[in-house]
Amino acid sequence: MAKAAAAKKIALEPLDDRIVIKRLDAEEKTAGGILLPDNAKEKPQRGEIVATGPGRLMDNGKRAELEVKVGDQVLFGKYSGTEVKVGGEDVLIMREADLLAKLG
C-alpha cells in the first residue's frame, strides 16, 4: 500500500521552484461545534506537499534550495496556485513563494 501512495506522489514532477500540494480535508464543524453540510464548506487553505521541484535556477547557474519538503503541511492563499487533476485526485501546483507558512 505504501508503494501505491509513493507512486502517486511522483506521478507529477514539478519544475524549478514549483510544488504540488494536496489539500487537507475541510473542517466538518465550526468553532462553536455546529456541523457543516458539504455545500457550506469552504475549500481548505492548508495542504500537504506531495512533490517538489529541484529549486529556482539562479543567475550563477546554481539552484536555490527549497525551504519545504515532501510531507510538510503548509498554508496558502485562497486563490493561490493552479488546480489540476492527476490520477483522479485534485492537486494544486504553485510556486514556493506563494506559500504563506509552514505548519510545525
PDB file of N, CA and C in Angstrom:
ATOM      1  N   MET A   1       0.814  -1.189   0.000  1.00  0.00           N
ATOM      2  CA  MET A   1       0.000   0.000   0.000  1.00  0.00           C
ATOM      3  C   MET A   1       0.858   1.253   0.000  1.00  0.00           C
ATOM      4  N   ALA A   2       1.988   1.239   0.719  1.00  0.00           N
ATOM      5  CA  ALA A   2       2.871   2.397   0.772  1.00  0.00           C
ATOM      6  C   ALA A   2       3.461   2.687  -0.609  1.00  0.00           C
ATOM      7  N   LYS A   3       3.721   1.617  -1.379  1.00  0.00           N
ATOM      8  CA  LYS A   3       4.263   1.825  -2.718  1.00  0.00           C
ATOM      9  C   LYS A   3       3.263   2.533  -3.615  1.00  0.00           C
ATOM     10  N   ALA A   4       1.986   2.213  -3.497  1.00  0.00           N
ATOM     11  CA  ALA A   4       0.956   2.866  -4.314  1.00  0.00           C
ATOM     12  C   ALA A   4       0.881   4.346  -3.992  1.00  0.00           C
ATOM     13  N   ALA A   5       0.966   4.691  -2.709  1.00  0.00           N
ATOM     14  CA  ALA A   5       0.925   6.106  -2.317  1.00  0.00           C
ATOM     15  C   ALA A   5       2.160   6.827  -2.829  1.00  0.00           C
ATOM     16  N   ALA A   6       3.322   6.173  -2.754  1.00  0.00           N
ATOM     17  CA  ALA A   6       4.547   6.800  -3.230  1.00  0.00           C
ATOM     18  C   ALA A   6       4.501   6.984  -4.739  1.00  0.00           C
ATOM     19  N   ALA A   7       3.907   6.031  -5.456  1.00  0.00           N
ATOM     20  CA  ALA A   7       3.808   6.151  -6.907  1.00  0.00           C
ATOM     21  C   ALA A   7       2.962   7.355  -7.300  1.00  0.00           C
ATOM     22  N   LYS A   8       1.894   7.626  -6.551  1.00  0.00           N
ATOM     23  CA  LYS A   8       1.058   8.783  -6.845  1.00  0.00           C
ATOM     24  C   LYS A   8       1.823  10.078  -6.615  1.00  0.00           C
ATOM     25  N   LYS A   9       2.680  10.097  -5.604  1.00  0.00           N
ATOM     26  CA  LYS A   9       3.421  11.303  -5.280  1.00  0.00           C
ATOM     27  C   LYS A   9       4.408  11.685  -6.377  1.00  0.00           C
ATOM     28  N   ILE A  10       4.940  10.717  -7.105  1.00  0.00           N
ATOM     29  CA  ILE A  10       5.925  11.031  -8.128  1.00  0.00           C
ATOM     30  C   ILE A  10       5.345  11.005  -9.541  1.00  0.00           C
ATOM     31  N   ALA A  11       4.051  10.879  -9.660  1.00  0.00           N
ATOM     32  CA  ALA A  11       3.422  10.846 -10.978  1.00  0.00           C
ATOM     33  C   ALA A  11       3.513  12.201 -11.668  1.00  0.00           C
ATOM     34  N   LEU A  12       3.761  13.246 -10.904  1.00  0.00           N
ATOM     35  CA  LEU A  12       3.850  14.602 -11.427  1.00  0.00           C
ATOM     36  C   LEU A  12       5.159  15.194 -10.927  1.00  0.00           C
ATOM     37  N   GLU A  13       5.993  15.663 -11.829  1.00  0.00           N
ATOM     38  CA  GLU A  13       7.295  16.201 -11.447  1.00  0.00           C
ATOM     39  C   GLU A  13       7.335  17.702 -11.702  1.00  0.00           C
ATOM     40  N   PRO A  14       7.180  18.514 -10.656  1.00  0.00           N
ATOM     41  CA  PRO A  14       7.163  19.965 -10.849  1.00  0.00           C
ATOM     42  C   PRO A  14       8.537  20.499 -11.265  1.00  0.00           C
ATOM     43  N   LEU A  15       8.536  21.611 -11.971  1.00  0.00           N
ATOM     44  CA  LEU A  15       9.763  22.231 -12.443  1.00  0.00           C
ATOM     45  C   LEU A  15      10.164  23.396 -11.542  1.00  0.00           C
ATOM     46  N   ASP A  16      11.440  23.720 -11.562  1.00  0.00           N
ATOM     47  CA  ASP A  16      12.010  24.856 -10.827  1.00  0.00           C
ATOM     48  C   ASP A  16      11.549  24.897  -9.370  1.00  0.00           C
ATOM     49  N   ASP A  17      10.985  26.035  -8.926  1.00  0.00           N
ATOM     50  CA  ASP A  17      10.605  26.179  -7.519  1.00  0.00           C
ATOM     51  C   ASP A  17       9.121  25.904  -7.298  1.00  0.00           C
ATOM     52  N   ARG A  18       8.528  25.121  -8.178  1.00  0.00           N
ATOM     53  CA  ARG A  18       7.103  24.791  -8.025  1.00  0.00           C
ATOM     54  C   ARG A  18       6.950  23.594  -7.100  1.00  0.00           C
ATOM     55  N   ILE A  19       5.785  23.561  -6.449  1.00  0.00           N
ATOM     56  CA  ILE A  19       5.464  22.460  -5.557  1.00  0.00           C
ATOM     57  C   ILE A  19       4.058  21.967  -5.876  1.00  0.00           C
ATOM     58  N   VAL A  20       3.794  20.707  -5.551  1.00  0.00           N
ATOM     59  CA  VAL A  20       2.470  20.113  -5.739  1.00  0.00           C
ATOM     60  C   VAL A  20       1.895  19.865  -4.348  1.00  0.00           C
ATOM     61  N   ILE A  21       0.661  20.354  -4.117  1.00  0.00           N
ATOM     62  CA  ILE A  21       0.028  20.273  -2.809  1.00  0.00           C
ATOM     63  C   ILE A  21      -1.306  19.550  -2.922  1.00  0.00           C
ATOM     64  N   LYS A  22      -1.543  18.643  -1.983  1.00  0.00           N
ATOM     65  CA  LYS A  22      -2.849  18.011  -1.862  1.00  0.00           C
ATOM     66  C   LYS A  22      -3.559  18.697  -0.699  1.00  0.00           C
ATOM     67  N   ARG A  23      -4.745  19.238  -0.975  1.00  0.00           N
ATOM     68  CA  ARG A  23      -5.499  19.924   0.082  1.00  0.00           C
ATOM     69  C   ARG A  23      -5.866  18.946   1.185  1.00  0.00           C
ATOM     70  N   LEU A  24      -5.818  19.437   2.424  1.00  0.00           N
ATOM     71  CA  LEU A  24      -6.287  18.644   3.556  1.00  0.00           C
ATOM     72  C   LEU A  24      -7.798  18.790   3.637  1.00  0.00           C
ATOM     73  N   ASP A  25      -8.467  17.854   4.287  1.00  0.00           N
ATOM     74  CA  ASP A  25      -9.930  17.862   4.379  1.00  0.00           C
ATOM     75  C   ASP A  25     -10.447  19.134   5.030  1.00  0.00           C
ATOM     76  N   ALA A  26     -11.592  19.598   4.556  1.00  0.00           N
ATOM     77  CA  ALA A  26     -12.234  20.790   5.113  1.00  0.00           C
ATOM     78  C   ALA A  26     -12.764  20.493   6.506  1.00  0.00           C
ATOM     79  N   GLU A  27     -12.893  21.554   7.284  1.00  0.00           N
ATOM     80  CA  GLU A  27     -13.423  21.409   8.640  1.00  0.00           C
ATOM     81  C   GLU A  27     -14.873  20.930   8.582  1.00  0.00           C
ATOM     82  N   GLU A  28     -15.210  19.990   9.436  1.00  0.00           N
ATOM     83  CA  GLU A  28     -16.564  19.445   9.484  1.00  0.00           C
ATOM     84  C   GLU A  28     -17.455  20.235  10.452  1.00  0.00           C
ATOM     85  N   LYS A  29     -16.813  20.931  11.416  1.00  0.00           N
ATOM     86  CA  LYS A  29     -17.562  21.677  12.431  1.00  0.00           C
ATOM     87  C   LYS A  29     -17.046  23.107  12.505  1.00  0.00           C
ATOM     88  N   THR A  30     -17.906  23.995  12.969  1.00  0.00           N
ATOM     89  CA  THR A  30     -17.478  25.363  13.255  1.00  0.00           C
ATOM     90  C   THR A  30     -16.824  25.372  14.630  1.00  0.00           C
ATOM     91  N   ALA A  31     -16.236  26.500  15.005  1.00  0.00           N
ATOM     92  CA  ALA A  31     -15.610  26.616  16.323  1.00  0.00           C
ATOM     93  C   ALA A  31     -16.635  26.402  17.436  1.00  0.00           C
ATOM     94  N   GLY A  32     -17.907  26.734  17.172  1.00  0.00           N
ATOM     95  CA  GLY A  32     -18.970  26.550  18.161  1.00  0.00           C
ATOM     96  C   GLY A  32     -19.530  25.143  18.212  1.00  0.00           C
ATOM     97  N   GLY A  33     -19.057  24.238  17.340  1.00  0.00           N
ATOM     98  CA  GLY A  33     -19.494  22.854  17.368  1.00  0.00           C
ATOM     99  C   GLY A  33     -20.630  22.528  16.419  1.00  0.00           C
ATOM    100  N   ILE A  34     -21.007  23.465  15.541  1.00  0.00           N
ATOM    101  CA  ILE A  34     -22.098  23.218  14.594  1.00  0.00           C
ATOM    102  C   ILE A  34     -21.555  22.430  13.405  1.00  0.00           C
ATOM    103  N   LEU A  35     -22.216  21.340  13.053  1.00  0.00           N
ATOM    104  CA  LEU A  35     -21.808  20.545  11.894  1.00  0.00           C
ATOM    105  C   LEU A  35     -22.159  21.283  10.608  1.00  0.00           C
ATOM    106  N   LEU A  36     -21.213  21.299   9.656  1.00  0.00           N
ATOM    107  CA  LEU A  36     -21.424  21.986   8.384  1.00  0.00           C
ATOM    108  C   LEU A  36     -21.836  21.001   7.301  1.00  0.00           C
ATOM    109  N   PRO A  37     -22.856  21.321   6.514  1.00  0.00           N
ATOM    110  CA  PRO A  37     -23.185  20.469   5.365  1.00  0.00           C
ATOM    111  C   PRO A  37     -22.120  20.648   4.286  1.00  0.00           C
ATOM    112  N   ASP A  38     -22.025  19.679   3.383  1.00  0.00           N
ATOM    113  CA  ASP A  38     -20.990  19.712   2.347  1.00  0.00           C
ATOM    114  C   ASP A  38     -21.000  20.993   1.525  1.00  0.00           C
ATOM    115  N   ASN A  39     -22.177  21.522   1.192  1.00  0.00           N
ATOM    116  CA  ASN A  39     -22.233  22.703   0.343  1.00  0.00           C
ATOM    117  C   ASN A  39     -21.842  23.986   1.091  1.00  0.00           C
ATOM    118  N   ALA A  40     -21.729  23.950   2.401  1.00  0.00           N
ATOM    119  CA  ALA A  40     -21.351  25.138   3.177  1.00  0.00           C
ATOM    120  C   ALA A  40     -19.858  25.169   3.483  1.00  0.00           C
ATOM    121  N   LYS A  41     -19.159  24.078   3.196  1.00  0.00           N
ATOM    122  CA  LYS A  41     -17.725  24.013   3.499  1.00  0.00           C
ATOM    123  C   LYS A  41     -16.931  24.801   2.467  1.00  0.00           C
ATOM    124  N   GLU A  42     -15.955  25.551   2.946  1.00  0.00           N
ATOM    125  CA  GLU A  42     -15.048  26.258   2.047  1.00  0.00           C
ATOM    126  C   GLU A  42     -13.878  25.347   1.734  1.00  0.00           C
ATOM    127  N   LYS A  43     -13.233  25.594   0.597  1.00  0.00           N
ATOM    128  CA  LYS A  43     -12.040  24.831   0.285  1.00  0.00           C
ATOM    129  C   LYS A  43     -10.978  25.193   1.311  1.00  0.00           C
ATOM    130  N   PRO A  44     -10.307  24.196   1.859  1.00  0.00           N
ATOM    131  CA  PRO A  44      -9.292  24.489   2.865  1.00  0.00           C
ATOM    132  C   PRO A  44      -8.096  25.209   2.254  1.00  0.00           C
ATOM    133  N   GLN A  45      -7.453  26.018   3.070  1.00  0.00           N
ATOM    134  CA  GLN A  45      -6.281  26.759   2.626  1.00  0.00           C
ATOM    135  C   GLN A  45      -5.021  26.164   3.221  1.00  0.00           C
ATOM    136  N   ARG A  46      -5.097  24.888   3.570  1.00  0.00           N
ATOM    137  CA  ARG A  46      -3.919  24.196   4.053  1.00  0.00           C
ATOM    138  C   ARG A  46      -3.833  22.866   3.345  1.00  0.00           C
ATOM    139  N   GLY A  47      -2.615  22.389   3.203  1.00  0.00           N
ATOM    140  CA  GLY A  47      -2.428  21.142   2.496  1.00  0.00           C
ATOM    141  C   GLY A  47      -1.090  20.515   2.810  1.00  0.00           C
ATOM    142  N   GLU A  48      -0.855  19.382   2.184  1.00  0.00           N
ATOM    143  CA  GLU A  48       0.389  18.647   2.377  1.00  0.00           C
ATOM    144  C   GLU A  48       1.139  18.611   1.053  1.00  0.00           C
ATOM    145  N   ILE A  49       2.428  18.865   1.110  1.00  0.00           N
ATOM    146  CA  ILE A  49       3.256  18.849  -0.092  1.00  0.00           C
ATOM    147  C   ILE A  49       3.499  17.405  -0.497  1.00  0.00           C
ATOM    148  N   VAL A  50       3.176  17.088  -1.765  1.00  0.00           N
ATOM    149  CA  VAL A  50       3.359  15.716  -2.256  1.00  0.00           C
ATOM    150  C   VAL A  50       4.488  15.618  -3.275  1.00  0.00           C
ATOM    151  N   ALA A  51       4.963  16.754  -3.805  1.00  0.00           N
ATOM    152  CA  ALA A  51       6.095  16.747  -4.733  1.00  0.00           C
ATOM    153  C   ALA A  51       6.704  18.141  -4.788  1.00  0.00           C
ATOM    154  N   THR A  52       8.016  18.199  -4.998  1.00  0.00           N
ATOM    155  CA  THR A  52       8.703  19.485  -5.129  1.00  0.00           C
ATOM    156  C   THR A  52       9.617  19.452  -6.346  1.00  0.00           C
ATOM    157  N   GLY A  53       9.853  20.626  -6.895  1.00  0.00           N
ATOM    158  CA  GLY A  53      10.799  20.751  -7.992  1.00  0.00           C
ATOM    159  C   GLY A  53      12.218  20.832  -7.444  1.00  0.00           C
ATOM    160  N   PRO A  54      13.209  20.930  -8.325  1.00  0.00           N
ATOM    161  CA  PRO A  54      14.606  20.966  -7.883  1.00  0.00           C
ATOM    162  C   PRO A  54      15.035  22.304  -7.278  1.00  0.00           C
ATOM    163  N   GLY A  55      14.253  23.350  -7.426  1.00  0.00           N
ATOM    164  CA  GLY A  55      14.619  24.669  -6.914  1.00  0.00           C
ATOM    165  C   GLY A  55      14.782  25.657  -8.052  1.00  0.00           C
ATOM    166  N   ARG A  56      14.711  26.947  -7.695  1.00  0.00           N
ATOM    167  CA  ARG A  56      14.814  28.014  -8.698  1.00  0.00           C
ATOM    168  C   ARG A  56      16.244  28.104  -9.218  1.00  0.00           C
ATOM    169  N   LEU A  57      16.388  28.273 -10.521  1.00  0.00           N
ATOM    170  CA  LEU A  57      17.694  28.429 -11.146  1.00  0.00           C
ATOM    171  C   LEU A  57      18.135  29.875 -10.990  1.00  0.00           C
ATOM    172  N   MET A  58      19.271  30.076 -10.347  1.00  0.00           N
ATOM    173  CA  MET A  58      19.771  31.431 -10.091  1.00  0.00           C
ATOM    174  C   MET A  58      20.637  31.904 -11.254  1.00  0.00           C
ATOM    175  N   ASP A  59      20.990  33.176 -11.236  1.00  0.00           N
ATOM    176  CA  ASP A  59      21.796  33.768 -12.307  1.00  0.00           C
ATOM    177  C   ASP A  59      23.163  33.108 -12.458  1.00  0.00           C
ATOM    178  N   ASN A  60      23.727  32.593 -11.356  1.00  0.00           N
ATOM    179  CA  ASN A  60      25.055  31.968 -11.426  1.00  0.00           C
ATOM    180  C   ASN A  60      24.996  30.515 -11.916  1.00  0.00           C
ATOM    181  N   GLY A  61      23.799  30.026 -12.260  1.00  0.00           N
ATOM    182  CA  GLY A  61      23.649  28.677 -12.790  1.00  0.00           C
ATOM    183  C   GLY A  61      23.381  27.615 -11.737  1.00  0.00           C
ATOM    184  N   LYS A  62      23.435  27.990 -10.463  1.00  0.00           N
ATOM    185  CA  LYS A  62      23.160  27.035  -9.388  1.00  0.00           C
ATOM    186  C   LYS A  62      21.686  27.091  -9.026  1.00  0.00           C
ATOM    187  N   ARG A  63      21.220  26.080  -8.325  1.00  0.00           N
ATOM    188  CA  ARG A  63      19.824  26.013  -7.906  1.00  0.00           C
ATOM    189  C   ARG A  63      19.698  26.436  -6.439  1.00  0.00           C
ATOM    190  N   ALA A  64      18.689  27.257  -6.157  1.00  0.00           N
ATOM    191  CA  ALA A  64      18.381  27.649  -4.779  1.00  0.00           C
ATOM    192  C   ALA A  64      17.559  26.532  -4.149  1.00  0.00           C
ATOM    193  N   GLU A  65      17.958  26.095  -2.960  1.00  0.00           N
ATOM    194  CA  GLU A  65      17.223  25.026  -2.276  1.00  0.00           C
ATOM    195  C   GLU A  65      15.855  25.514  -1.827  1.00  0.00           C
ATOM    196  N   LEU A  66      14.877  24.618  -1.884  1.00  0.00           N
ATOM    197  CA  LEU A  66      13.548  24.944  -1.381  1.00  0.00           C
ATOM    198  C   LEU A  66      13.547  24.855   0.146  1.00  0.00           C
ATOM    199  N   GLU A  67      12.724  25.662   0.783  1.00  0.00           N
ATOM    200  CA  GLU A  67      12.623  25.641   2.248  1.00  0.00           C
ATOM    201  C   GLU A  67      11.626  24.601   2.733  1.00  0.00           C
ATOM    202  N   VAL A  68      10.853  24.013   1.825  1.00  0.00           N
ATOM    203  CA  VAL A  68       9.868  22.997   2.181  1.00  0.00           C
ATOM    204  C   VAL A  68      10.247  21.681   1.528  1.00  0.00           C
ATOM    205  N   LYS A  69       9.683  20.593   2.059  1.00  0.00           N
ATOM    206  CA  LYS A  69       9.964  19.271   1.507  1.00  0.00           C
ATOM    207  C   LYS A  69       8.680  18.448   1.466  1.00  0.00           C
ATOM    208  N   VAL A  70       8.715  17.344   0.789  1.00  0.00           N
ATOM    209  CA  VAL A  70       7.557  16.452   0.698  1.00  0.00           C
ATOM    210  C   VAL A  70       7.154  16.033   2.105  1.00  0.00           C
ATOM    211  N   GLY A  71       5.843  16.111   2.380  1.00  0.00           N
ATOM    212  CA  GLY A  71       5.322  15.740   3.689  1.00  0.00           C
ATOM    213  C   GLY A  71       5.034  16.929   4.586  1.00  0.00           C
ATOM    214  N   ASP A  72       5.607  18.104   4.284  1.00  0.00           N
ATOM    215  CA  ASP A  72       5.337  19.302   5.088  1.00  0.00           C
ATOM    216  C   ASP A  72       3.890  19.746   4.905  1.00  0.00           C
ATOM    217  N   GLN A  73       3.283  20.235   5.981  1.00  0.00           N
ATOM    218  CA  GLN A  73       1.950  20.830   5.886  1.00  0.00           C
ATOM    219  C   GLN A  73       2.122  22.338   5.825  1.00  0.00           C
ATOM    220  N   VAL A  74       1.396  22.966   4.895  1.00  0.00           N
ATOM    221  CA  VAL A  74       1.577  24.389   4.629  1.00  0.00           C
ATOM    222  C   VAL A  74       0.236  25.113   4.528  1.00  0.00           C
ATOM    223  N   LEU A  75       0.289  26.434   4.687  1.00  0.00           N
ATOM    224  CA  LEU A  75      -0.856  27.305   4.460  1.00  0.00           C
ATOM    225  C   LEU A  75      -0.595  28.096   3.190  1.00  0.00           C
ATOM    226  N   PHE A  76      -1.655  28.345   2.420  1.00  0.00           N
ATOM    227  CA  PHE A  76      -1.520  29.107   1.184  1.00  0.00           C
ATOM    228  C   PHE A  76      -2.750  29.977   1.022  1.00  0.00           C
ATOM    229  N   GLY A  77      -2.654  30.970   0.133  1.00  0.00           N
ATOM    230  CA  GLY A  77      -3.752  31.898  -0.097  1.00  0.00           C
ATOM    231  C   GLY A  77      -4.953  31.231  -0.747  1.00  0.00           C
ATOM    232  N   LYS A  78      -6.105  31.831  -0.563  1.00  0.00           N
ATOM    233  CA  LYS A  78      -7.366  31.273  -1.060  1.00  0.00           C
ATOM    234  C   LYS A  78      -7.350  31.047  -2.568  1.00  0.00           C
ATOM    235  N   TYR A  79      -6.731  31.949  -3.313  1.00  0.00           N
ATOM    236  CA  TYR A  79      -6.735  31.844  -4.774  1.00  0.00           C
ATOM    237  C   TYR A  79      -5.355  31.506  -5.333  1.00  0.00           C
ATOM    238  N   SER A  80      -4.485  30.940  -4.527  1.00  0.00           N
ATOM    239  CA  SER A  80      -3.129  30.592  -4.961  1.00  0.00           C
ATOM    240  C   SER A  80      -3.127  29.320  -5.787  1.00  0.00           C
ATOM    241  N   GLY A  81      -2.187  29.233  -6.689  1.00  0.00           N
ATOM    242  CA  GLY A  81      -1.929  28.012  -7.424  1.00  0.00           C
ATOM    243  C   GLY A  81      -2.921  27.710  -8.537  1.00  0.00           C
ATOM    244  N   THR A  82      -2.637  26.623  -9.223  1.00  0.00           N
ATOM    245  CA  THR A  82      -3.457  26.131 -10.323  1.00  0.00           C
ATOM    246  C   THR A  82      -3.931  24.729  -9.974  1.00  0.00           C
ATOM    247  N   GLU A  83      -5.248  24.530 -10.012  1.00  0.00           N
ATOM    248  CA  GLU A  83      -5.793  23.205  -9.713  1.00  0.00           C
ATOM    249  C   GLU A  83      -5.703  22.308 -10.937  1.00  0.00           C
ATOM    250  N   VAL A  84      -5.208  21.089 -10.729  1.00  0.00           N
ATOM    251  CA  VAL A  84      -5.158  20.089 -11.792  1.00  0.00           C
ATOM    252  C   VAL A  84      -5.602  18.751 -11.211  1.00  0.00           C
ATOM    253  N   LYS A  85      -6.026  17.860 -12.075  1.00  0.00           N
ATOM    254  CA  LYS A  85      -6.444  16.519 -11.650  1.00  0.00           C
ATOM    255  C   LYS A  85      -5.371  15.549 -12.138  1.00  0.00           C
ATOM    256  N   VAL A  86      -4.784  14.798 -11.193  1.00  0.00           N
ATOM    257  CA  VAL A  86      -3.736  13.832 -11.516  1.00  0.00           C
ATOM    258  C   VAL A  86      -4.115  12.502 -10.891  1.00  0.00           C
ATOM    259  N   GLY A  87      -4.272  11.499 -11.694  1.00  0.00           N
ATOM    260  CA  GLY A  87      -4.621  10.174 -11.182  1.00  0.00           C
ATOM    261  C   GLY A  87      -5.931  10.155 -10.406  1.00  0.00           C
ATOM    262  N   GLY A  88      -6.888  10.994 -10.823  1.00  0.00           N
ATOM    263  CA  GLY A  88      -8.177  11.035 -10.160  1.00  0.00           C
ATOM    264  C   GLY A  88      -8.217  11.912  -8.909  1.00  0.00           C
ATOM    265  N   GLU A  89      -7.091  12.517  -8.547  1.00  0.00           N
ATOM    266  CA  GLU A  89      -7.042  13.389  -7.373  1.00  0.00           C
ATOM    267  C   GLU A  89      -6.820  14.829  -7.799  1.00  0.00           C
ATOM    268  N   ASP A  90      -7.484  15.758  -7.098  1.00  0.00           N
ATOM    269  CA  ASP A  90      -7.261  17.179  -7.340  1.00  0.00           C
ATOM    270  C   ASP A  90      -6.062  17.634  -6.525  1.00  0.00           C
ATOM    271  N   VAL A  91      -5.110  18.281  -7.192  1.00  0.00           N
ATOM    272  CA  VAL A  91      -3.942  18.838  -6.512  1.00  0.00           C
ATOM    273  C   VAL A  91      -3.736  20.267  -6.983  1.00  0.00           C
ATOM    274  N   LEU A  92      -2.947  21.006  -6.246  1.00  0.00           N
ATOM    275  CA  LEU A  92      -2.592  22.379  -6.603  1.00  0.00           C
ATOM    276  C   LEU A  92      -1.116  22.427  -6.969  1.00  0.00           C
ATOM    277  N   ILE A  93      -0.793  23.208  -8.000  1.00  0.00           N
ATOM    278  CA  ILE A  93       0.598  23.460  -8.341  1.00  0.00           C
ATOM    279  C   ILE A  93       0.828  24.946  -8.151  1.00  0.00           C
ATOM    280  N   MET A  94       1.863  25.287  -7.380  1.00  0.00           N
ATOM    281  CA  MET A  94       2.171  26.698  -7.142  1.00  0.00           C
ATOM    282  C   MET A  94       3.659  26.859  -6.883  1.00  0.00           C
ATOM    283  N   ARG A  95       4.098  28.100  -6.940  1.00  0.00           N
ATOM    284  CA  ARG A  95       5.495  28.400  -6.615  1.00  0.00           C
ATOM    285  C   ARG A  95       5.651  28.437  -5.102  1.00  0.00           C
ATOM    286  N   GLU A  96       6.856  28.132  -4.663  1.00  0.00           N
ATOM    287  CA  GLU A  96       7.135  28.151  -3.216  1.00  0.00           C
ATOM    288  C   GLU A  96       6.850  29.536  -2.629  1.00  0.00           C
ATOM    289  N   ALA A  97       7.092  30.586  -3.394  1.00  0.00           N
ATOM    290  CA  ALA A  97       6.874  31.959  -2.915  1.00  0.00           C
ATOM    291  C   ALA A  97       5.401  32.237  -2.609  1.00  0.00           C
ATOM    292  N   ASP A  98       4.482  31.439  -3.159  1.00  0.00           N
ATOM    293  CA  ASP A  98       3.052  31.639  -2.921  1.00  0.00           C
ATOM    294  C   ASP A  98       2.589  31.064  -1.583  1.00  0.00           C
ATOM    295  N   LEU A  99       3.458  30.327  -0.900  1.00  0.00           N
ATOM    296  CA  LEU A  99       3.092  29.774   0.402  1.00  0.00           C
ATOM    297  C   LEU A  99       3.108  30.869   1.450  1.00  0.00           C
ATOM    298  N   LEU A 100       2.206  30.752   2.413  1.00  0.00           N
ATOM    299  CA  LEU A 100       2.135  31.736   3.498  1.00  0.00           C
ATOM    300  C   LEU A 100       2.911  31.276   4.723  1.00  0.00           C
ATOM    301  N   ALA A 101       2.830  29.986   5.032  1.00  0.00           N
ATOM    302  CA  ALA A 101       3.508  29.476   6.229  1.00  0.00           C
ATOM    303  C   ALA A 101       3.651  27.972   6.149  1.00  0.00           C
ATOM    304  N   LYS A 102       4.610  27.469   6.913  1.00  0.00           N
ATOM    305  CA  LYS A 102       4.797  26.036   7.078  1.00  0.00           C
ATOM    306  C   LYS A 102       4.327  25.698   8.488  1.00  0.00           C
ATOM    307  N   LEU A 103       3.470  24.684   8.606  1.00  0.00           N
ATOM    308  CA  LEU A 103       2.932  24.292   9.905  1.00  0.00           C
ATOM    309  C   LEU A 103       3.899  23.343  10.590  1.00  0.00           C
ATOM    310  N   GLY A 104       4.138  23.561  11.864  1.00  0.00           N
ATOM    311  CA  GLY A 104       5.111  22.763  12.602  1.00  0.00           C
ATOM    312  C   GLY A 104       4.545  21.673  13.327  1.00  0.00           C
TER     313      GLY A 104
END
